[in-house]
Structures are given as C-alpha cells and as structure tokens.
Amino acid sequence: MIKAVIAWAVSSLVGYVLFAASSQTVVLNGLTAIGAPMPLGTRLASTAHAVLNMPALGAVIFIGFAVAFLVAKGIKTLIKPLAPIAYPVAGGAAVATALEIMWQQYEVYPVLGAQTTYGYVLAVLSGVIGGFVFARLVAKSVEQ
C-alpha cells in the first residue's frame, strides 16, 4: 500500500511538472511568434517559475490522479486486455476531465497554455505520461 501511495505521489508530481512546463512553453512560443525576444535563460526561468507557482493545478492533478487510478485499477481487474493501458489512459482522462470541468465552470481554461488545441493535447499527454509512470512504479513494486 505504501509503495502505491509513493507511486501515486511521484506520478502526480511528474504529471504536474510536465503540464505546467508544457503550458508555459506554449505561452512562450506564442510570445515568440508575435516577435517578443525569448532567450533561453528567460525561457528556463519562466518555466521554473510556472512549475513552482501553480499549487492549485498541482492539487487538481494529485486529486484527479487519485480518483482516476482507483477507477483504472477496478477497470483493469474487470477487463484484463485493458490492463497495460489502464493507468496511462486514466492519467490523460483525469487531466482532460479537470480541464473540461474548469471550462464548464469558467467558460475558459484557467491554465493559459491549455487554451490552444496544441496546448490542450500537451496537457492531456502530461497526464498520460504521469499514468505511465504510475504503471511502471506499481509494476516494479509488485516485482520486488
């Protein structure tokens, strides 16, 4: 049980960092597209600032992954062929669901980088990668 909680925490952190970093990258690329100078140091500092200063997004990812991974565990138990993709799909679904709930509530995606199709896909992909990390860590804890 402790290893599953650690796997959840690590995968949630990975999903959050990737989401925040990809969102900031989309924003910075948009600024570059309209002619704003964007040296590498500025990009790195801005991305680090985004990752370190989006606690509400972090909470959404941590809670969303907890629910999604519990549901995925049940689904993969019932439908064995889905087992290899259950957690990555759950991670992506958690992020997509969170974004859609935000849209329903505010009629905008509060995470600026997710407002474009490209940014939205990157956000969901961050959830998929987080789910993959969870699956790998849980598999390793079962092997040990």
Protein backbone atom coordinates (compact mmCIF):
# COMPACT_ATOMS: atom_id res chain seq x y z
CA MET A 1 0.00 0.00 0.00
CA ILE A 2 2.81 2.43 0.89
CA LYS A 3 4.51 1.75 -2.44
CA ALA A 4 1.28 2.51 -4.31
CA VAL A 5 0.95 5.82 -2.44
CA ILE A 6 4.56 6.70 -3.28
CA ALA A 7 3.93 5.72 -6.93
CA TRP A 8 0.83 7.96 -6.95
CA ALA A 9 2.75 10.90 -5.45
CA VAL A 10 5.66 10.54 -7.87
CA SER A 11 3.42 10.12 -10.92
CA SER A 12 1.26 13.07 -9.85
CA LEU A 13 4.36 15.22 -9.48
CA VAL A 14 5.59 14.14 -12.91
CA GLY A 15 2.20 14.88 -14.46
CA TYR A 16 2.03 18.27 -12.76
CA VAL A 17 5.56 19.32 -13.75
CA LEU A 18 5.00 18.26 -17.36
CA PHE A 19 1.62 20.03 -17.50
CA ALA A 20 2.95 23.27 -16.02
CA ALA A 21 6.12 23.22 -18.14
CA SER A 22 4.29 22.42 -21.38
CA SER A 23 1.71 25.12 -20.66
CA GLN A 24 4.41 27.71 -20.12
CA THR A 25 6.20 26.55 -23.27
CA VAL A 26 3.04 27.10 -25.32
CA VAL A 27 2.67 30.60 -23.85
CA LEU A 28 6.31 31.46 -24.50
CA ASN A 29 6.09 30.13 -28.06
CA GLY A 30 3.06 32.37 -28.60
CA LEU A 31 5.02 35.38 -27.40
CA THR A 32 7.92 34.45 -29.68
CA ALA A 33 5.50 34.16 -32.61
CA ILE A 34 4.48 37.80 -32.18
CA GLY A 35 8.10 38.95 -32.05
CA ALA A 36 8.92 39.01 -28.34
CA PRO A 37 12.55 38.14 -27.69
CA MET A 38 12.80 34.94 -25.69
CA PRO A 39 16.39 34.00 -24.78
CA LEU A 40 16.99 30.56 -23.32
CA GLY A 41 17.63 31.94 -19.83
CA THR A 42 14.29 33.72 -19.84
CA ARG A 43 12.54 30.57 -21.06
CA LEU A 44 14.12 28.45 -18.33
CA ALA A 45 13.43 30.98 -15.56
CA SER A 46 9.84 31.48 -16.72
CA THR A 47 9.20 27.73 -16.94
CA ALA A 48 10.72 27.13 -13.50
CA HIS A 49 8.54 29.93 -12.11
CA ALA A 50 5.43 28.36 -13.63
CA VAL A 51 6.25 24.92 -12.24
CA LEU A 52 6.91 26.29 -8.77
CA ASN A 53 3.90 28.60 -8.61
CA MET A 54 0.82 26.68 -9.71
CA PRO A 55 -0.25 24.94 -6.47
CA ALA A 56 -3.94 24.83 -7.43
CA LEU A 57 -3.07 22.97 -10.62
CA GLY A 58 -0.91 20.61 -8.57
CA ALA A 59 -3.81 19.90 -6.23
CA VAL A 60 -6.11 19.22 -9.19
CA ILE A 61 -3.60 16.77 -10.68
CA PHE A 62 -2.97 14.97 -7.37
CA ILE A 63 -6.70 14.58 -6.63
CA GLY A 64 -7.57 13.73 -10.23
CA PHE A 65 -4.90 11.05 -10.41
CA ALA A 66 -6.03 9.52 -7.10
CA VAL A 67 -9.58 9.10 -8.39
CA ALA A 68 -8.56 8.08 -11.90
CA PHE A 69 -6.05 5.45 -10.76
CA LEU A 70 -8.56 3.88 -8.38
CA VAL A 71 -11.09 3.64 -11.21
CA ALA A 72 -8.41 2.28 -13.56
CA LYS A 73 -7.47 -0.40 -11.05
CA GLY A 74 -11.06 -1.60 -11.00
CA ILE A 75 -11.41 -1.49 -14.77
CA LYS A 76 -8.16 -3.36 -15.43
CA THR A 77 -9.23 -6.02 -12.97
CA LEU A 78 -12.56 -6.48 -14.75
CA ILE A 79 -11.30 -6.13 -18.32
CA LYS A 80 -7.87 -7.79 -18.44
CA PRO A 81 -6.94 -6.73 -22.02
CA LEU A 82 -7.06 -3.07 -20.90
CA ALA A 83 -4.55 -3.62 -18.08
CA PRO A 84 -1.47 -2.38 -20.00
CA ILE A 85 -3.07 0.95 -20.89
CA ALA A 86 -5.39 1.48 -17.93
CA TYR A 87 -3.21 3.87 -15.92
CA PRO A 88 -1.92 5.99 -18.84
CA VAL A 89 -5.47 6.38 -20.16
CA ALA A 90 -6.66 7.22 -16.65
CA GLY A 91 -3.98 9.90 -16.26
CA GLY A 92 -4.91 11.51 -19.57
CA ALA A 93 -8.60 11.27 -18.73
CA ALA A 94 -8.00 12.90 -15.33
CA VAL A 95 -6.35 15.91 -16.95
CA ALA A 96 -8.96 16.17 -19.72
CA THR A 97 -11.77 15.89 -17.16
CA ALA A 98 -10.22 18.59 -14.96
CA LEU A 99 -9.86 20.92 -17.94
CA GLU A 100 -13.44 20.31 -19.02
CA ILE A 101 -14.77 20.94 -15.50
CA MET A 102 -12.82 24.20 -15.49
CA TRP A 103 -14.35 25.09 -18.86
CA GLN A 104 -17.86 24.35 -17.60
CA GLN A 105 -17.26 26.46 -14.50
CA TYR A 106 -15.43 29.44 -16.02
CA GLU A 107 -16.00 29.16 -19.79
CA VAL A 108 -12.25 29.39 -20.21
CA TYR A 109 -9.32 27.13 -19.41
CA PRO A 110 -7.62 28.86 -16.46
CA VAL A 111 -4.30 27.32 -17.47
CA LEU A 112 -3.34 29.64 -20.32
CA GLY A 113 -1.26 27.10 -22.24
CA ALA A 114 -4.23 24.71 -22.49
CA GLN A 115 -6.34 27.23 -24.41
CA THR A 116 -4.96 26.13 -27.77
CA THR A 117 -5.50 22.69 -29.28
CA TYR A 118 -1.76 22.08 -29.19
CA GLY A 119 -1.54 23.09 -25.53
CA TYR A 120 -4.60 21.04 -24.61
CA VAL A 121 -3.09 17.95 -26.24
CA LEU A 122 0.19 18.54 -24.40
CA ALA A 123 -1.71 18.86 -21.12
CA VAL A 124 -3.53 15.57 -21.67
CA LEU A 125 -0.27 13.95 -22.77
CA SER A 126 1.27 15.05 -19.45
CA GLY A 127 -1.47 13.05 -17.73
CA VAL A 128 -0.81 10.05 -19.96
CA ILE A 129 2.89 10.17 -19.09
CA GLY A 130 2.05 10.51 -15.40
CA GLY A 131 -0.17 7.44 -15.70
CA PHE A 132 2.61 5.55 -17.44
CA VAL A 133 4.98 6.45 -14.60
CA PHE A 134 2.42 5.18 -12.09
CA ALA A 135 2.01 1.92 -14.01
CA ARG A 136 5.77 1.37 -14.15
CA LEU A 137 6.29 2.16 -10.47
CA VAL A 138 3.40 -0.05 -9.36
CA ALA A 139 4.71 -2.88 -11.56
CA LYS A 140 8.18 -2.51 -10.04
CA SER A 141 6.77 -2.62 -6.50
CA VAL A 142 4.86 -5.82 -7.35
CA GLU A 143 8.00 -7.42 -8.81
CA GLN A 144 10.02 -6.76 -5.65
